[in-house]
Amino acid sequence: MSIGSEWSITVSEAVEKYITQRGVRKPKTFEATAQRACSYLVDACGAKELVQYNRADALNYRDYLIARGLVGSSVSRVISFINKLRI
């Protein structure tokens, strides 16, 4: 097994793992926010493994969020959540 395949999980799997590890004793809105950010990403760019998303996907994601009517600070917040998944 190569190192790349060990770390290759889908964005949905990453969100579930993040919620399980970081969502302990957090309000229900924590999970809803995480799931929403994930669904926006999948709607905008398709369901992929985390390592497959690239700069073009990030730009499409940003444009998708803006088209949904999110203001700049909300776009930044949602994108920063997705960045937490890659760490």
N, C-alpha and C. Protein backbone atom coordinates (compact mmCIF):
# COMPACT_ATOMS: atom_id res chain seq x y z
N MET A 1 0.85 -1.17 0.00
CA MET A 1 0.00 0.00 0.00
C MET A 1 0.90 1.24 0.00
N SER A 2 0.60 2.17 -0.87
CA SER A 2 1.40 3.38 -0.93
C SER A 2 0.89 4.41 0.08
N ILE A 3 1.75 5.37 0.38
CA ILE A 3 1.38 6.41 1.34
C ILE A 3 0.18 7.19 0.83
N GLY A 4 0.14 7.47 -0.47
CA GLY A 4 -0.96 8.24 -1.04
C GLY A 4 -2.30 7.59 -0.81
N SER A 5 -2.38 6.27 -0.95
CA SER A 5 -3.66 5.60 -0.78
C SER A 5 -4.09 5.53 0.68
N GLU A 6 -3.13 5.55 1.61
CA GLU A 6 -3.47 5.54 3.03
C GLU A 6 -4.20 6.81 3.43
N TRP A 7 -3.84 7.91 2.83
CA TRP A 7 -4.40 9.20 3.21
C TRP A 7 -5.54 9.63 2.31
N SER A 8 -5.89 8.80 1.34
CA SER A 8 -6.94 9.17 0.40
C SER A 8 -8.30 8.79 0.96
N ILE A 9 -8.99 9.79 1.45
CA ILE A 9 -10.36 9.60 1.91
C ILE A 9 -11.22 10.66 1.25
N THR A 10 -12.49 10.36 1.11
CA THR A 10 -13.38 11.32 0.48
C THR A 10 -13.65 12.48 1.45
N VAL A 11 -14.15 13.54 0.90
CA VAL A 11 -14.46 14.70 1.73
C VAL A 11 -15.55 14.35 2.75
N SER A 12 -16.50 13.52 2.35
CA SER A 12 -17.56 13.10 3.28
C SER A 12 -17.00 12.30 4.44
N GLU A 13 -16.06 11.40 4.15
CA GLU A 13 -15.42 10.62 5.21
C GLU A 13 -14.61 11.52 6.13
N ALA A 14 -13.94 12.50 5.55
CA ALA A 14 -13.14 13.43 6.35
C ALA A 14 -14.03 14.25 7.28
N VAL A 15 -15.18 14.68 6.80
CA VAL A 15 -16.10 15.45 7.64
C VAL A 15 -16.61 14.59 8.79
N GLU A 16 -16.98 13.36 8.50
CA GLU A 16 -17.47 12.47 9.56
C GLU A 16 -16.39 12.26 10.62
N LYS A 17 -15.16 12.05 10.18
CA LYS A 17 -14.05 11.85 11.12
C LYS A 17 -13.82 13.13 11.94
N TYR A 18 -13.88 14.28 11.28
CA TYR A 18 -13.70 15.56 11.95
C TYR A 18 -14.77 15.77 13.02
N ILE A 19 -16.02 15.48 12.67
CA ILE A 19 -17.12 15.65 13.62
C ILE A 19 -16.94 14.71 14.81
N THR A 20 -16.54 13.48 14.53
CA THR A 20 -16.34 12.50 15.60
C THR A 20 -15.23 12.93 16.55
N GLN A 21 -14.13 13.45 16.00
CA GLN A 21 -12.99 13.81 16.82
C GLN A 21 -13.11 15.18 17.47
N ARG A 22 -13.65 16.14 16.75
CA ARG A 22 -13.69 17.52 17.23
C ARG A 22 -15.05 17.96 17.76
N GLY A 23 -16.08 17.17 17.48
CA GLY A 23 -17.43 17.60 17.82
C GLY A 23 -17.91 17.20 19.20
N VAL A 24 -17.02 16.63 19.99
CA VAL A 24 -17.42 16.20 21.33
C VAL A 24 -17.80 17.42 22.16
N ARG A 25 -18.97 17.36 22.77
CA ARG A 25 -19.50 18.43 23.62
C ARG A 25 -19.66 19.76 22.90
N LYS A 26 -19.86 19.71 21.60
CA LYS A 26 -20.12 20.93 20.83
C LYS A 26 -21.63 20.98 20.56
N PRO A 27 -22.15 22.16 20.30
CA PRO A 27 -23.58 22.27 20.00
C PRO A 27 -23.92 21.55 18.69
N LYS A 28 -25.19 21.26 18.50
CA LYS A 28 -25.63 20.56 17.29
C LYS A 28 -25.33 21.37 16.04
N THR A 29 -25.23 22.66 16.18
CA THR A 29 -24.93 23.50 15.02
C THR A 29 -23.54 23.21 14.46
N PHE A 30 -22.63 22.71 15.30
CA PHE A 30 -21.28 22.37 14.84
C PHE A 30 -21.36 21.32 13.73
N GLU A 31 -22.12 20.25 13.98
CA GLU A 31 -22.26 19.19 12.98
C GLU A 31 -22.99 19.69 11.75
N ALA A 32 -24.04 20.47 11.94
CA ALA A 32 -24.81 21.00 10.80
C ALA A 32 -23.93 21.88 9.91
N THR A 33 -23.10 22.69 10.52
CA THR A 33 -22.21 23.57 9.77
C THR A 33 -21.20 22.76 8.97
N ALA A 34 -20.65 21.73 9.59
CA ALA A 34 -19.68 20.87 8.91
C ALA A 34 -20.32 20.15 7.73
N GLN A 35 -21.51 19.60 7.94
CA GLN A 35 -22.20 18.88 6.87
C GLN A 35 -22.57 19.83 5.73
N ARG A 36 -22.97 21.04 6.06
CA ARG A 36 -23.34 22.03 5.04
C ARG A 36 -22.14 22.40 4.18
N ALA A 37 -21.00 22.65 4.80
CA ALA A 37 -19.79 23.00 4.05
C ALA A 37 -19.40 21.86 3.11
N CYS A 38 -19.53 20.64 3.58
CA CYS A 38 -19.22 19.46 2.77
C CYS A 38 -20.18 19.35 1.58
N SER A 39 -21.47 19.52 1.85
CA SER A 39 -22.44 19.39 0.76
C SER A 39 -22.25 20.48 -0.28
N TYR A 40 -21.90 21.68 0.15
CA TYR A 40 -21.61 22.75 -0.80
C TYR A 40 -20.43 22.37 -1.69
N LEU A 41 -19.39 21.81 -1.09
CA LEU A 41 -18.21 21.43 -1.86
C LEU A 41 -18.55 20.34 -2.88
N VAL A 42 -19.29 19.35 -2.46
CA VAL A 42 -19.68 18.27 -3.37
C VAL A 42 -20.57 18.81 -4.48
N ASP A 43 -21.50 19.70 -4.16
CA ASP A 43 -22.36 20.29 -5.18
C ASP A 43 -21.55 21.10 -6.19
N ALA A 44 -20.56 21.82 -5.71
CA ALA A 44 -19.78 22.71 -6.57
C ALA A 44 -18.74 21.96 -7.40
N CYS A 45 -18.11 20.95 -6.81
CA CYS A 45 -16.94 20.33 -7.45
C CYS A 45 -17.03 18.82 -7.63
N GLY A 46 -18.05 18.21 -7.10
CA GLY A 46 -18.18 16.77 -7.19
C GLY A 46 -17.53 16.09 -5.99
N ALA A 47 -17.91 14.84 -5.78
CA ALA A 47 -17.36 14.05 -4.67
C ALA A 47 -16.03 13.46 -5.11
N LYS A 48 -14.98 13.83 -4.41
CA LYS A 48 -13.63 13.37 -4.72
C LYS A 48 -12.92 13.02 -3.42
N GLU A 49 -11.76 12.41 -3.58
CA GLU A 49 -10.89 12.23 -2.42
C GLU A 49 -10.29 13.59 -2.11
N LEU A 50 -9.98 13.83 -0.84
CA LEU A 50 -9.47 15.14 -0.43
C LEU A 50 -8.25 15.56 -1.22
N VAL A 51 -7.35 14.63 -1.50
CA VAL A 51 -6.11 15.00 -2.19
C VAL A 51 -6.33 15.34 -3.66
N GLN A 52 -7.51 15.06 -4.20
CA GLN A 52 -7.78 15.33 -5.60
C GLN A 52 -8.29 16.74 -5.86
N TYR A 53 -8.71 17.45 -4.84
CA TYR A 53 -9.17 18.83 -5.04
C TYR A 53 -7.97 19.71 -5.33
N ASN A 54 -8.15 20.63 -6.26
CA ASN A 54 -7.05 21.51 -6.67
C ASN A 54 -7.49 22.97 -6.65
N ARG A 55 -6.62 23.82 -7.12
CA ARG A 55 -6.90 25.26 -7.11
C ARG A 55 -8.15 25.61 -7.92
N ALA A 56 -8.31 24.98 -9.06
CA ALA A 56 -9.49 25.24 -9.89
C ALA A 56 -10.77 24.89 -9.13
N ASP A 57 -10.72 23.79 -8.37
CA ASP A 57 -11.88 23.41 -7.55
C ASP A 57 -12.14 24.47 -6.48
N ALA A 58 -11.08 24.98 -5.88
CA ALA A 58 -11.23 26.01 -4.84
C ALA A 58 -11.88 27.26 -5.42
N LEU A 59 -11.48 27.64 -6.61
CA LEU A 59 -12.07 28.81 -7.25
C LEU A 59 -13.53 28.56 -7.62
N ASN A 60 -13.83 27.36 -8.11
CA ASN A 60 -15.22 27.01 -8.41
C ASN A 60 -16.06 27.01 -7.14
N TYR A 61 -15.49 26.51 -6.07
CA TYR A 61 -16.18 26.47 -4.77
C TYR A 61 -16.49 27.89 -4.30
N ARG A 62 -15.50 28.76 -4.38
CA ARG A 62 -15.70 30.16 -4.00
C ARG A 62 -16.81 30.80 -4.82
N ASP A 63 -16.77 30.59 -6.14
CA ASP A 63 -17.78 31.16 -7.02
C ASP A 63 -19.17 30.59 -6.72
N TYR A 64 -19.23 29.31 -6.40
CA TYR A 64 -20.49 28.66 -6.05
C TYR A 64 -21.08 29.29 -4.78
N LEU A 65 -20.23 29.51 -3.79
CA LEU A 65 -20.70 30.11 -2.53
C LEU A 65 -21.20 31.53 -2.75
N ILE A 66 -20.50 32.29 -3.57
CA ILE A 66 -20.92 33.65 -3.88
C ILE A 66 -22.25 33.64 -4.63
N ALA A 67 -22.39 32.71 -5.58
CA ALA A 67 -23.63 32.60 -6.34
C ALA A 67 -24.81 32.23 -5.43
N ARG A 68 -24.55 31.53 -4.34
CA ARG A 68 -25.59 31.18 -3.36
C ARG A 68 -25.98 32.38 -2.51
N GLY A 69 -25.23 33.48 -2.63
CA GLY A 69 -25.58 34.68 -1.90
C GLY A 69 -24.79 34.89 -0.63
N LEU A 70 -23.77 34.08 -0.38
CA LEU A 70 -22.95 34.27 0.82
C LEU A 70 -22.07 35.50 0.65
N VAL A 71 -21.92 36.26 1.73
CA VAL A 71 -21.05 37.43 1.71
C VAL A 71 -19.61 36.97 1.93
N GLY A 72 -18.67 37.88 1.71
CA GLY A 72 -17.26 37.54 1.77
C GLY A 72 -16.82 36.86 3.05
N SER A 73 -17.28 37.35 4.19
CA SER A 73 -16.87 36.75 5.46
C SER A 73 -17.42 35.33 5.62
N SER A 74 -18.60 35.08 5.11
CA SER A 74 -19.18 33.74 5.17
C SER A 74 -18.45 32.79 4.23
N VAL A 75 -18.09 33.29 3.05
CA VAL A 75 -17.32 32.48 2.11
C VAL A 75 -15.99 32.08 2.75
N SER A 76 -15.32 33.03 3.37
CA SER A 76 -14.04 32.75 4.03
C SER A 76 -14.20 31.72 5.14
N ARG A 77 -15.25 31.84 5.92
CA ARG A 77 -15.49 30.91 7.03
C ARG A 77 -15.73 29.49 6.52
N VAL A 78 -16.54 29.34 5.48
CA VAL A 78 -16.85 28.03 4.94
C VAL A 78 -15.60 27.40 4.32
N ILE A 79 -14.84 28.19 3.58
CA ILE A 79 -13.61 27.68 2.96
C ILE A 79 -12.59 27.31 4.03
N SER A 80 -12.49 28.09 5.08
CA SER A 80 -11.53 27.77 6.14
C SER A 80 -11.89 26.46 6.83
N PHE A 81 -13.18 26.15 6.92
CA PHE A 81 -13.56 24.87 7.48
C PHE A 81 -13.04 23.72 6.62
N ILE A 82 -13.21 23.82 5.31
CA ILE A 82 -12.74 22.77 4.41
C ILE A 82 -11.22 22.64 4.53
N ASN A 83 -10.52 23.74 4.70
CA ASN A 83 -9.06 23.67 4.86
C ASN A 83 -8.69 22.90 6.13
N LYS A 84 -9.49 22.96 7.15
CA LYS A 84 -9.21 22.22 8.39
C LYS A 84 -9.22 20.71 8.14
N LEU A 85 -9.99 20.27 7.18
CA LEU A 85 -10.07 18.85 6.88
C LEU A 85 -8.76 18.31 6.31
N ARG A 86 -8.02 19.15 5.65
CA ARG A 86 -6.78 18.71 4.99
C ARG A 86 -5.61 18.61 5.94
N ILE A 87 -5.76 19.13 7.14
CA ILE A 87 -4.65 19.13 8.11
C ILE A 87 -4.56 17.79 8.79
